[in-house]
Amino acid sequence: MDFATIVKLSAQHAKPAGLILQYGTAGFRTKAEHLDHVMYRMGLLAVLRSKQTTSTIGVMVTASHNPEEDNGVKLVDPLGEMLAAAWEEYATSLANAEEQDLATVLRDISQKESVSLQQDAFVAVGRDTRPSSENLSQAVIDGVTAFGAQYHDYGLVTTPQLHYIVCCRNTKEQYGTSTVKGYYQKLSKAFTELRKQASSYGDSPRVVKVDGANGIGALKLKEMQPYLQKECLIELFHDGTTGKLNCACGADFVKVQQKPPRGIKMQPNEKFCSFDGDADRIVYYYVDSSSQFHLLDGDKIATLISTFIKELLVKVGLSLKMAVIQTAYANGSSTRYLEETMKVPVYCTKTGVKHLHHKAQESDIGVYFEANGHGTVLFSKTAEETIRQLAKREMDAEKKKAAKMLENTIDLINQTVGDAISDMLIIEAILVLKKLTVQQWDAVYTDLPNRQLKVKVADRRVIDTTDAERRVVTPPGLQENIDELVKKYRLSRAFVRPSGTEDVVRVYAEADTQGNADALAHEVSLAVFHLAGGIGEPPKPL
């Protein structure tokens, strides 16, 4: 392998002096103008990973819910999963290597991972709608071709669509046809079949009101509409024709601000959902008759889907091991409802979908969602085979119907990664099948009031945590301070954790009233500011 040529071509994608970046939970993310060299090098790394795994590897150019001027890149592993942890470290070292060290770093990775450089490689490339994404995507392709590997540029796709395509290619299309059209066909067919099971089937199509965050999800929903025409009509807001990506809209805005996107006039009890910028997150919401805003986030979605699946398992008499995976951000009421009412085991992991995904793989059926609306359902090979075989058997009509519904649910869910389109369709199908309004879904349990804040610090690494990020180890005294503050309020808890991408400490608090949750969050923020090296002005009361 001619590393000299790779290094020579790298000069066209030169690394800015002194720039250090970290491959975090969501890959690399920063201002778009700082990423050209990273993209070229991630093209190189994707080739090495492809050679090592003898599989197609995906490279997605996106910064998800970040502002439009940012961008980023994620690598997709063979079965559509996020990049393996060891290779995250390689990504960081490769991105930060000086030009003269590039060949050495590439050789080191090849030797450590026993990569056969003669092995063929194939990379699938996708991008979101940011103005910077096309040029940055070309930089990825430059890296791939510099290594002499093959690629396919899938152009504008959602992040989940690229994950799906990579999985299809590597399973010889057992998972589905490895095109965007194949994605639409698989999901729409499963959705149609599920809808047919509803006793109200034949009614006029349901209208689904979607805030597309002015991103790729809006574009792809428009493309998918013809496949869903008979079953649901999409009414799109923030479709990208006029607004700015993620600006006062999208799932992250709605979740954090706890209010509707700008420019949307909501009638009482009218159901809406919002995607994020790359369409891997979704949240639902409505305003009631007294104009009170209600958010149905990842916790509510996990509860709806897991309850639906458990009810079907009971109907068909299958005793598969099912669990729900959450993070510390999950509302305490959701955890109590799942454990005490639904009798479903709940596990807590560190923040970041890769942690939830790995834990979900330990069960026959693992439902995982972060509170921000990023999540999916994983069916083990055994569970999937058992359900599909059962659906083929002769049995009484009700059991047969439940078995077919489980099978269609498997096909409707994008098991590779959280997927706003797939999650929206399964939610809409469940609401029709169970004859639930958005208010009835919301009323299954009542969220404890909560508040999220962030505190700017000089160095986020001063915060070290344990117990799935629910308790602080350093700096000394901070956890004891939080424990004392929590004692002041009913039904309360609070935790802090360092951001994965910026020098801020994230604060979460919940309590019996919104006023108490706000007060607790503010007091914890002050403790972080004083004990963890806060910069600027101390946090002000809400």
Protein backbone atom coordinates (compact mmCIF):
# COMPACT_ATOMS: atom_id res chain seq x y z
CA MET A 1 0.00 0.00 0.00
CA ASP A 2 1.41 3.37 -1.07
CA PHE A 3 1.02 5.48 2.08
CA ALA A 4 3.16 8.20 0.46
CA THR A 5 0.40 8.93 -2.08
CA ILE A 6 -2.20 9.07 0.71
CA VAL A 7 -0.08 11.57 2.64
CA LYS A 8 0.56 13.63 -0.51
CA LEU A 9 -3.19 13.86 -1.27
CA SER A 10 -3.80 14.71 2.39
CA ALA A 11 -2.09 18.06 1.79
CA GLN A 12 -5.20 19.09 -0.16
CA HIS A 13 -7.15 18.56 3.09
CA ALA A 14 -4.63 20.08 5.48
CA LYS A 15 -5.15 19.97 9.23
CA PRO A 16 -5.43 23.40 10.91
CA ALA A 17 -2.52 24.01 13.27
CA GLY A 18 -3.22 23.23 16.91
CA LEU A 19 -6.75 21.85 16.34
CA ILE A 20 -7.55 18.86 18.59
CA LEU A 21 -10.85 16.98 18.20
CA GLN A 22 -12.35 13.98 20.01
CA TYR A 23 -14.47 11.21 18.48
CA GLY A 24 -17.34 11.29 20.96
CA THR A 25 -20.67 9.52 21.39
CA ALA A 26 -21.88 11.02 18.12
CA GLY A 27 -18.58 11.03 16.23
CA PHE A 28 -16.81 14.31 15.46
CA ARG A 29 -18.74 17.56 15.69
CA THR A 30 -17.60 21.16 15.44
CA LYS A 31 -17.77 24.19 13.12
CA ALA A 32 -17.90 22.97 9.52
CA GLU A 33 -14.84 24.97 8.44
CA HIS A 34 -12.64 22.90 10.80
CA LEU A 35 -13.63 19.49 9.43
CA ASP A 36 -12.20 19.07 5.92
CA HIS A 37 -9.09 17.18 7.11
CA VAL A 38 -11.20 15.05 9.46
CA MET A 39 -13.48 13.96 6.62
CA TYR A 40 -10.56 12.95 4.41
CA ARG A 41 -9.06 10.93 7.24
CA MET A 42 -12.37 9.28 8.16
CA GLY A 43 -12.53 8.12 4.54
CA LEU A 44 -9.14 6.47 5.16
CA LEU A 45 -10.26 4.96 8.46
CA ALA A 46 -13.47 3.61 6.93
CA VAL A 47 -11.35 1.80 4.32
CA LEU A 48 -9.17 0.23 7.03
CA ARG A 49 -12.26 -0.84 8.99
CA SER A 50 -13.81 -2.26 5.82
CA LYS A 51 -10.67 -4.25 5.06
CA GLN A 52 -10.50 -5.54 8.64
CA THR A 53 -14.15 -6.64 8.78
CA THR A 54 -14.40 -7.59 5.07
CA SER A 55 -17.66 -5.61 5.09
CA THR A 56 -19.21 -2.40 3.84
CA ILE A 57 -18.61 0.46 6.30
CA GLY A 58 -20.76 3.60 6.35
CA VAL A 59 -19.67 7.23 6.71
CA MET A 60 -22.42 9.74 7.51
CA VAL A 61 -21.76 13.47 7.26
CA THR A 62 -24.09 15.18 9.74
CA ALA A 63 -24.20 17.13 12.98
CA SER A 64 -27.72 15.96 13.90
CA HIS A 65 -29.43 18.54 16.15
CA ASN A 66 -26.50 21.00 16.17
CA PRO A 67 -26.84 24.45 14.53
CA GLU A 68 -26.61 24.67 10.74
CA GLU A 69 -23.07 26.11 10.74
CA ASP A 70 -21.75 23.00 12.53
CA ASN A 71 -21.10 19.66 10.92
CA GLY A 72 -19.77 16.26 11.87
CA VAL A 73 -19.14 12.68 10.85
CA LYS A 74 -20.09 9.24 12.17
CA LEU A 75 -18.80 5.86 11.04
CA VAL A 76 -21.24 2.96 10.75
CA ASP A 77 -20.14 -0.60 11.55
CA PRO A 78 -21.12 -3.73 9.56
CA LEU A 79 -24.56 -4.45 11.06
CA GLY A 80 -25.54 -0.80 11.16
CA GLU A 81 -24.20 -0.29 14.68
CA MET A 82 -22.10 2.62 15.85
CA LEU A 83 -18.34 2.30 15.48
CA ALA A 84 -16.57 -0.12 17.85
CA ALA A 85 -14.96 1.58 20.88
CA ALA A 86 -11.36 0.69 19.95
CA TRP A 87 -11.85 2.27 16.55
CA GLU A 88 -13.20 5.46 18.14
CA GLU A 89 -9.74 5.86 19.64
CA TYR A 90 -8.14 5.27 16.25
CA ALA A 91 -10.46 7.90 14.76
CA THR A 92 -9.29 10.43 17.35
CA SER A 93 -5.59 9.69 16.87
CA LEU A 94 -5.92 9.78 13.06
CA ALA A 95 -7.88 13.06 13.07
CA ASN A 96 -5.30 14.74 15.32
CA ALA A 97 -2.14 13.40 13.68
CA GLU A 98 0.20 15.94 12.10
CA GLU A 99 0.74 15.51 8.35
CA GLN A 100 4.22 14.01 8.80
CA ASP A 101 2.82 11.38 11.21
CA LEU A 102 -0.17 10.30 9.12
CA ALA A 103 1.49 7.29 7.48
CA THR A 104 2.81 6.08 10.85
CA VAL A 105 -0.64 6.26 12.46
CA LEU A 106 -2.21 4.37 9.53
CA ARG A 107 0.47 1.66 9.74
CA ASP A 108 0.01 1.37 13.52
CA ILE A 109 -3.75 0.85 13.17
CA SER A 110 -3.19 -1.71 10.40
CA GLN A 111 -0.70 -3.65 12.53
CA LYS A 112 -2.73 -3.52 15.77
CA GLU A 113 -5.86 -4.76 14.01
CA SER A 114 -4.07 -7.20 11.67
CA VAL A 115 -5.56 -5.48 8.63
CA SER A 116 -4.75 -7.10 5.31
CA LEU A 117 -4.06 -4.08 3.10
CA GLN A 118 -4.59 -6.21 -0.01
CA GLN A 119 -8.20 -6.91 1.03
CA ASP A 120 -10.88 -5.14 -1.03
CA ALA A 121 -12.86 -2.42 0.72
CA PHE A 122 -16.23 -0.74 0.18
CA VAL A 123 -17.58 2.41 1.84
CA ALA A 124 -21.16 3.75 1.79
CA VAL A 125 -21.30 7.54 2.08
CA GLY A 126 -24.30 9.68 3.03
CA ARG A 127 -24.92 13.29 4.03
CA ASP A 128 -27.54 15.62 5.50
CA THR A 129 -28.85 18.90 4.05
CA ARG A 130 -26.36 21.33 5.64
CA PRO A 131 -24.76 23.75 3.14
CA SER A 132 -21.33 22.36 4.09
CA SER A 133 -22.23 18.67 3.77
CA GLU A 134 -21.66 18.22 0.04
CA ASN A 135 -18.04 19.45 0.10
CA LEU A 136 -17.28 17.57 3.30
CA SER A 137 -18.79 14.41 1.82
CA GLN A 138 -16.46 14.84 -1.17
CA ALA A 139 -13.52 15.01 1.25
CA VAL A 140 -14.59 11.61 2.64
CA ILE A 141 -14.72 10.23 -0.91
CA ASP A 142 -11.26 11.68 -1.59
CA GLY A 143 -9.95 9.70 1.37
CA VAL A 144 -11.61 6.49 0.18
CA THR A 145 -10.29 6.82 -3.38
CA ALA A 146 -6.81 7.80 -2.17
CA PHE A 147 -6.73 4.37 -0.53
CA GLY A 148 -7.81 2.75 -3.80
CA ALA A 149 -11.12 1.52 -2.35
CA GLN A 150 -14.61 1.44 -3.85
CA TYR A 151 -17.52 3.50 -2.60
CA HIS A 152 -21.13 4.39 -3.30
CA ASP A 153 -22.30 7.94 -2.66
CA TYR A 154 -25.91 7.66 -1.47
CA GLY A 155 -26.15 11.45 -1.36
CA LEU A 156 -28.89 12.97 0.77
CA VAL A 157 -30.10 10.36 3.28
CA THR A 158 -31.16 10.35 6.91
CA THR A 159 -28.62 8.87 9.31
CA PRO A 160 -30.91 5.86 10.00
CA GLN A 161 -31.28 5.22 6.27
CA LEU A 162 -27.51 4.93 5.89
CA HIS A 163 -27.35 2.57 8.90
CA TYR A 164 -30.12 0.49 7.28
CA ILE A 165 -28.33 0.40 3.91
CA VAL A 166 -25.04 -0.73 5.50
CA CYS A 167 -26.82 -3.54 7.37
CA CYS A 168 -28.64 -4.66 4.20
CA ARG A 169 -25.42 -4.78 2.19
CA ASN A 170 -23.66 -6.83 4.86
CA THR A 171 -26.48 -9.34 5.36
CA LYS A 172 -26.75 -10.04 1.63
CA GLU A 173 -30.03 -8.11 1.73
CA GLN A 174 -31.64 -10.46 4.25
CA TYR A 175 -32.46 -7.38 6.34
CA GLY A 176 -33.90 -5.57 3.32
CA THR A 177 -33.05 -4.11 -0.06
CA SER A 178 -30.02 -1.83 0.24
CA THR A 179 -31.56 1.29 -1.31
CA VAL A 180 -33.62 4.19 0.02
CA LYS A 181 -36.52 2.84 -2.07
CA GLY A 182 -36.05 -0.56 -0.38
CA TYR A 183 -36.25 1.20 2.99
CA TYR A 184 -39.52 2.89 2.02
CA GLN A 185 -40.98 -0.36 0.72
CA LYS A 186 -40.06 -2.42 3.78
CA LEU A 187 -41.40 0.08 6.32
CA SER A 188 -44.55 1.04 4.40
CA LYS A 189 -45.50 -2.61 3.81
CA ALA A 190 -45.12 -3.47 7.51
CA PHE A 191 -47.04 -0.33 8.50
CA THR A 192 -49.88 -1.14 6.09
CA GLU A 193 -50.12 -4.71 7.38
CA LEU A 194 -50.22 -3.51 10.99
CA ARG A 195 -52.89 -0.92 10.21
CA LYS A 196 -55.04 -3.61 8.61
CA GLN A 197 -55.29 -5.32 12.00
CA ALA A 198 -57.15 -2.33 13.46
CA SER A 199 -60.91 -2.75 13.75
CA SER A 200 -61.27 0.81 12.42
CA TYR A 201 -59.33 -0.08 9.26
CA GLY A 202 -60.93 1.49 6.22
CA ASP A 203 -61.45 4.88 7.86
CA SER A 204 -59.98 7.90 6.10
CA PRO A 205 -56.19 8.21 6.48
CA ARG A 206 -54.89 9.76 9.67
CA VAL A 207 -53.06 13.04 9.27
CA VAL A 208 -49.68 13.11 10.98
CA LYS A 209 -48.34 16.61 11.70
CA VAL A 210 -44.55 16.60 11.61
CA ASP A 211 -41.95 19.27 12.35
CA GLY A 212 -39.07 18.26 10.07
CA ALA A 213 -36.52 20.59 11.76
CA ASN A 214 -35.81 22.02 8.25
CA GLY A 215 -33.65 18.94 7.74
CA ILE A 216 -33.18 15.72 5.80
CA GLY A 217 -36.10 14.02 7.57
CA ALA A 218 -38.56 16.44 5.96
CA LEU A 219 -37.09 15.76 2.53
CA LYS A 220 -37.28 12.00 2.96
CA LEU A 221 -40.81 12.06 4.40
CA LYS A 222 -41.95 13.84 1.24
CA GLU A 223 -40.35 11.05 -0.81
CA MET A 224 -42.01 8.39 1.33
CA GLN A 225 -45.50 9.91 1.22
CA PRO A 226 -46.63 8.01 -1.94
CA TYR A 227 -45.83 4.72 -0.19
CA LEU A 228 -48.08 5.67 2.75
CA GLN A 229 -50.87 7.50 0.89
CA LYS A 230 -53.67 5.12 1.85
CA GLU A 231 -52.66 4.84 5.47
CA CYS A 232 -51.49 8.26 6.68
CA LEU A 233 -51.08 11.73 5.28
CA ILE A 234 -48.04 13.71 6.35
CA GLU A 235 -48.56 17.41 7.05
CA LEU A 236 -45.06 18.87 7.18
CA PHE A 237 -43.91 21.95 9.05
CA HIS A 238 -40.35 23.31 8.91
CA ASP A 239 -39.76 21.35 5.73
CA GLY A 240 -36.56 23.18 4.77
CA THR A 241 -38.02 25.36 2.02
CA THR A 242 -37.63 28.58 4.02
CA GLY A 243 -36.30 28.06 7.55
CA LYS A 244 -32.87 27.31 8.95
CA LEU A 245 -31.90 23.82 10.10
CA ASN A 246 -32.70 23.17 13.79
CA CYS A 247 -33.41 26.87 14.38
CA ALA A 248 -36.22 27.19 16.98
CA CYS A 249 -37.58 23.84 15.79
CA GLY A 250 -36.80 20.14 15.88
CA ALA A 251 -36.85 17.47 18.57
CA ASP A 252 -33.98 18.88 20.63
CA PHE A 253 -35.54 22.38 20.75
CA VAL A 254 -38.93 20.99 21.82
CA LYS A 255 -37.42 18.66 24.42
CA VAL A 256 -35.10 21.21 26.04
CA GLN A 257 -37.35 24.28 25.79
CA GLN A 258 -40.53 22.28 26.59
CA LYS A 259 -42.57 24.30 24.12
CA PRO A 260 -43.73 23.96 20.49
CA PRO A 261 -41.46 24.94 17.59
CA ARG A 262 -41.65 28.56 16.48
CA GLY A 263 -44.37 29.34 13.97
CA ILE A 264 -46.61 26.34 14.71
CA LYS A 265 -50.12 27.21 15.85
CA MET A 266 -51.49 24.26 17.80
CA GLN A 267 -55.15 23.64 18.48
CA PRO A 268 -56.06 22.03 21.84
CA ASN A 269 -55.30 18.27 21.93
CA GLU A 270 -53.89 18.30 18.39
CA LYS A 271 -51.03 15.80 18.08
CA PHE A 272 -47.64 16.84 16.69
CA CYS A 273 -44.20 15.26 16.47
CA SER A 274 -40.74 16.69 15.81
CA PHE A 275 -37.67 15.10 14.20
CA ASP A 276 -34.12 16.28 14.77
CA GLY A 277 -31.77 17.43 11.99
CA ASP A 278 -30.72 13.96 10.78
CA ALA A 279 -33.99 12.20 11.68
CA ASP A 280 -32.75 9.77 14.33
CA ARG A 281 -34.77 11.35 17.19
CA ILE A 282 -38.47 11.98 17.63
CA VAL A 283 -40.68 13.50 20.32
CA TYR A 284 -44.48 13.99 20.41
CA TYR A 285 -46.43 16.82 22.05
CA TYR A 286 -49.75 18.64 22.32
CA VAL A 287 -51.37 21.52 24.19
CA ASP A 288 -54.47 20.85 26.27
CA SER A 289 -57.66 22.92 26.49
CA SER A 290 -56.03 25.26 29.01
CA SER A 291 -53.02 25.83 26.65
CA GLN A 292 -50.72 23.73 28.87
CA PHE A 293 -47.88 22.13 26.84
CA HIS A 294 -47.46 18.35 27.15
CA LEU A 295 -44.30 16.57 25.95
CA LEU A 296 -44.24 12.85 25.16
CA ASP A 297 -40.52 12.13 24.99
CA GLY A 298 -38.41 8.99 24.68
CA ASP A 299 -39.65 7.67 28.04
CA LYS A 300 -43.30 7.85 26.92
CA ILE A 301 -42.38 6.29 23.57
CA ALA A 302 -40.49 3.41 25.23
CA THR A 303 -43.45 2.79 27.53
CA LEU A 304 -45.97 2.77 24.67
CA ILE A 305 -43.94 0.40 22.49
CA SER A 306 -42.88 -1.98 25.28
CA THR A 307 -46.45 -2.21 26.63
CA PHE A 308 -47.74 -2.99 23.12
CA ILE A 309 -45.13 -5.72 22.54
CA LYS A 310 -45.64 -7.26 25.99
CA GLU A 311 -49.42 -7.45 25.46
CA LEU A 312 -48.86 -9.25 22.14
CA LEU A 313 -46.38 -11.68 23.73
CA VAL A 314 -48.95 -12.53 26.42
CA LYS A 315 -51.65 -13.09 23.76
CA VAL A 316 -49.51 -15.56 21.81
CA GLY A 317 -48.14 -17.20 24.96
CA LEU A 318 -44.46 -16.46 24.37
CA SER A 319 -42.23 -16.04 27.44
CA LEU A 320 -39.38 -14.14 25.80
CA LYS A 321 -37.10 -12.09 28.06
CA MET A 322 -37.93 -8.43 27.52
CA ALA A 323 -36.31 -5.35 29.08
CA VAL A 324 -36.37 -1.57 28.77
CA ILE A 325 -33.04 0.27 28.80
CA GLN A 326 -32.90 3.88 30.01
CA THR A 327 -30.34 6.47 31.07
CA ALA A 328 -30.21 8.64 34.17
CA TYR A 329 -32.25 11.24 32.23
CA ALA A 330 -35.30 8.95 32.21
CA ASN A 331 -38.17 10.38 34.23
CA GLY A 332 -38.59 8.56 37.55
CA SER A 333 -42.32 8.08 36.89
CA SER A 334 -41.62 6.11 33.70
CA THR A 335 -39.24 3.77 35.52
CA ARG A 336 -41.76 3.17 38.31
CA TYR A 337 -44.59 2.52 35.84
CA LEU A 338 -42.56 -0.01 33.83
CA GLU A 339 -41.26 -1.87 36.88
CA GLU A 340 -44.32 -1.77 39.15
CA THR A 341 -47.28 -1.75 36.74
CA MET A 342 -45.98 -3.43 33.58
CA LYS A 343 -43.57 -5.75 35.48
CA VAL A 344 -40.90 -5.14 32.85
CA PRO A 345 -37.24 -5.09 33.99
CA VAL A 346 -35.57 -1.70 33.55
CA TYR A 347 -31.80 -1.17 33.30
CA CYS A 348 -29.89 2.11 33.44
CA THR A 349 -26.75 2.75 31.37
CA LYS A 350 -24.44 5.67 30.71
CA THR A 351 -25.70 8.36 28.34
CA GLY A 352 -25.12 7.61 24.66
CA VAL A 353 -27.09 5.23 22.47
CA LYS A 354 -24.14 2.89 22.00
CA HIS A 355 -24.36 2.02 25.72
CA LEU A 356 -28.12 1.43 25.55
CA HIS A 357 -27.77 -0.57 22.33
CA HIS A 358 -25.21 -2.95 23.85
CA LYS A 359 -27.34 -3.49 26.98
CA ALA A 360 -30.47 -4.08 24.89
CA GLN A 361 -28.67 -6.88 23.04
CA GLU A 362 -28.60 -8.91 26.28
CA SER A 363 -32.39 -9.53 26.17
CA ASP A 364 -34.59 -11.40 23.71
CA ILE A 365 -36.37 -8.09 23.14
CA GLY A 366 -34.62 -4.90 24.27
CA VAL A 367 -36.48 -1.59 24.06
CA TYR A 368 -34.15 1.36 24.46
CA PHE A 369 -34.79 5.08 24.31
CA GLU A 370 -32.99 8.09 25.61
CA ALA A 371 -35.31 10.74 27.02
CA ASN A 372 -34.38 12.92 24.00
CA GLY A 373 -36.34 10.56 21.73
CA HIS A 374 -33.42 8.58 20.27
CA GLY A 375 -34.11 4.86 20.43
CA THR A 376 -35.36 1.65 18.90
CA VAL A 377 -36.17 -2.00 19.68
CA LEU A 378 -33.79 -4.93 19.24
CA PHE A 379 -35.04 -8.48 18.66
CA SER A 380 -32.52 -11.26 19.18
CA LYS A 381 -32.10 -13.77 16.36
CA THR A 382 -33.86 -16.37 18.52
CA ALA A 383 -36.77 -14.05 19.30
CA GLU A 384 -37.19 -13.08 15.67
CA GLU A 385 -37.10 -16.69 14.42
CA THR A 386 -39.54 -17.79 17.15
CA ILE A 387 -42.01 -15.02 16.26
CA ARG A 388 -41.78 -15.60 12.49
CA GLN A 389 -42.28 -19.36 12.86
CA LEU A 390 -45.23 -18.79 15.16
CA ALA A 391 -46.85 -16.43 12.63
CA LYS A 392 -46.81 -19.26 10.05
CA ARG A 393 -48.57 -21.81 12.30
CA GLU A 394 -52.25 -22.67 12.32
CA MET A 395 -53.85 -21.42 15.55
CA ASP A 396 -56.97 -19.64 16.74
CA ALA A 397 -57.74 -16.33 15.05
CA GLU A 398 -56.80 -14.02 17.95
CA LYS A 399 -53.43 -15.68 18.53
CA LYS A 400 -52.70 -15.69 14.79
CA LYS A 401 -53.53 -11.99 14.60
CA ALA A 402 -51.22 -11.18 17.54
CA ALA A 403 -48.39 -13.27 16.03
CA LYS A 404 -48.70 -11.47 12.68
CA MET A 405 -48.70 -8.12 14.47
CA LEU A 406 -45.47 -9.04 16.23
CA GLU A 407 -43.91 -10.06 12.92
CA ASN A 408 -44.95 -6.78 11.27
CA THR A 409 -43.61 -4.87 14.27
CA ILE A 410 -40.19 -6.48 13.72
CA ASP A 411 -40.24 -5.35 10.08
CA LEU A 412 -41.44 -1.83 10.86
CA ILE A 413 -38.71 -1.13 13.43
CA ASN A 414 -35.26 -0.09 12.22
CA GLN A 415 -33.17 -2.23 14.54
CA THR A 416 -29.85 -0.74 13.44
CA VAL A 417 -30.31 2.62 15.17
CA GLY A 418 -32.90 5.09 16.46
CA ASP A 419 -34.99 6.21 13.48
CA ALA A 420 -37.54 9.04 13.64
CA ILE A 421 -39.49 7.85 10.57
CA SER A 422 -39.64 4.23 11.70
CA ASP A 423 -40.48 5.22 15.29
CA MET A 424 -43.22 7.59 14.09
CA LEU A 425 -44.84 4.83 12.03
CA ILE A 426 -44.79 2.28 14.87
CA ILE A 427 -46.24 4.87 17.26
CA GLU A 428 -48.98 5.81 14.79
CA ALA A 429 -49.81 2.13 14.21
CA ILE A 430 -50.02 1.42 17.96
CA LEU A 431 -52.26 4.44 18.60
CA VAL A 432 -54.65 3.22 15.88
CA LEU A 433 -54.58 -0.41 17.05
CA LYS A 434 -55.14 0.48 20.70
CA LYS A 435 -57.61 3.28 19.82
CA LEU A 436 -55.60 5.77 21.87
CA THR A 437 -55.66 9.54 21.59
CA VAL A 438 -52.46 11.42 22.37
CA GLN A 439 -54.02 12.53 25.69
CA GLN A 440 -54.83 8.93 26.66
CA TRP A 441 -51.30 7.88 25.82
CA ASP A 442 -49.94 10.75 27.90
CA ALA A 443 -52.19 9.85 30.84
CA VAL A 444 -50.73 6.33 31.26
CA TYR A 445 -48.44 7.89 33.88
CA THR A 446 -47.63 11.47 34.85
CA ASP A 447 -44.08 12.72 34.43
CA LEU A 448 -42.40 14.26 37.44
CA PRO A 449 -41.58 17.91 36.67
CA ASN A 450 -37.95 18.24 35.65
CA ARG A 451 -35.36 20.73 34.45
CA GLN A 452 -32.12 20.44 32.49
CA LEU A 453 -29.43 23.12 32.68
CA LYS A 454 -25.79 23.42 31.68
CA VAL A 455 -22.88 25.13 33.43
CA LYS A 456 -19.84 26.40 31.51
CA VAL A 457 -16.60 25.17 33.06
CA ALA A 458 -12.91 25.58 32.23
CA ASP A 459 -12.44 21.81 31.81
CA ARG A 460 -15.31 19.32 31.83
CA ARG A 461 -12.87 16.50 32.67
CA VAL A 462 -12.82 17.61 36.32
CA ILE A 463 -16.20 15.83 36.60
CA ASP A 464 -15.90 12.07 36.92
CA THR A 465 -18.98 9.91 37.51
CA THR A 466 -20.02 6.39 38.46
CA ASP A 467 -23.27 4.34 38.74
CA ALA A 468 -24.31 4.99 35.11
CA GLU A 469 -23.47 8.68 35.55
CA ARG A 470 -25.89 9.08 38.45
CA ARG A 471 -23.23 9.88 41.07
CA VAL A 472 -20.15 12.14 41.03
CA VAL A 473 -16.73 10.84 42.08
CA THR A 474 -14.78 14.08 41.51
CA PRO A 475 -14.43 16.91 42.36
CA PRO A 476 -14.51 16.10 46.10
CA GLY A 477 -17.57 17.31 47.98
CA LEU A 478 -19.82 17.85 44.95
CA GLN A 479 -21.84 14.64 45.36
CA GLU A 480 -22.30 15.27 49.09
CA ASN A 481 -23.53 18.76 48.21
CA ILE A 482 -26.03 17.37 45.69
CA ASP A 483 -27.26 14.78 48.23
CA GLU A 484 -28.01 17.55 50.76
CA LEU A 485 -29.85 19.64 48.17
CA VAL A 486 -31.98 16.69 47.05
CA LYS A 487 -33.17 16.14 50.65
CA LYS A 488 -34.88 19.56 50.59
CA TYR A 489 -37.51 18.55 47.99
CA ARG A 490 -40.18 15.81 47.69
CA LEU A 491 -39.84 13.02 45.10
CA SER A 492 -36.59 14.62 43.99
CA ARG A 493 -33.34 13.48 42.46
CA ALA A 494 -30.52 15.24 40.63
CA PHE A 495 -27.32 14.34 38.87
CA VAL A 496 -24.59 16.06 36.87
CA ARG A 497 -22.38 14.78 34.06
CA PRO A 498 -19.76 16.26 31.73
CA SER A 499 -20.88 16.95 28.17
CA GLY A 500 -19.41 14.62 25.57
CA THR A 501 -18.78 17.43 23.10
CA GLU A 502 -18.21 20.79 24.84
CA ASP A 503 -16.79 22.23 28.09
CA VAL A 504 -20.06 22.29 29.96
CA VAL A 505 -21.49 20.22 32.80
CA ARG A 506 -25.05 19.07 32.25
CA VAL A 507 -27.43 19.27 35.23
CA TYR A 508 -30.66 17.30 35.60
CA ALA A 509 -33.18 17.66 38.41
CA GLU A 510 -36.71 16.44 39.05
CA ALA A 511 -39.12 16.99 41.92
CA ASP A 512 -42.81 17.02 42.90
CA THR A 513 -43.49 20.47 41.36
CA GLN A 514 -41.97 22.43 38.49
CA GLY A 515 -40.98 25.19 40.91
CA ASN A 516 -39.09 22.71 43.08
CA ALA A 517 -37.45 21.06 40.06
CA ASP A 518 -36.32 24.49 38.83
CA ALA A 519 -35.03 25.49 42.27
CA LEU A 520 -33.14 22.21 42.73
CA ALA A 521 -31.59 22.47 39.23
CA HIS A 522 -30.44 26.03 39.97
CA GLU A 523 -28.93 25.11 43.36
CA VAL A 524 -27.11 22.11 41.87
CA SER A 525 -25.83 24.37 39.05
CA LEU A 526 -24.40 26.76 41.64
CA ALA A 527 -22.67 23.86 43.40
CA VAL A 528 -21.14 22.75 40.08
CA PHE A 529 -20.07 26.32 39.28
CA HIS A 530 -18.25 26.75 42.60
CA LEU A 531 -16.75 23.25 42.94
CA ALA A 532 -15.99 22.36 39.30
CA GLY A 533 -14.40 25.54 38.00
CA GLY A 534 -17.28 27.44 36.47
CA ILE A 535 -16.46 30.33 34.15
CA GLY A 536 -18.33 33.55 33.52
CA GLU A 537 -21.25 34.64 35.68
CA PRO A 538 -22.73 32.22 38.27
CA PRO A 539 -26.04 30.63 37.13
CA LYS A 540 -29.04 32.86 37.76
CA PRO A 541 -32.34 31.58 39.25
CA LEU A 542 -34.89 30.44 36.68
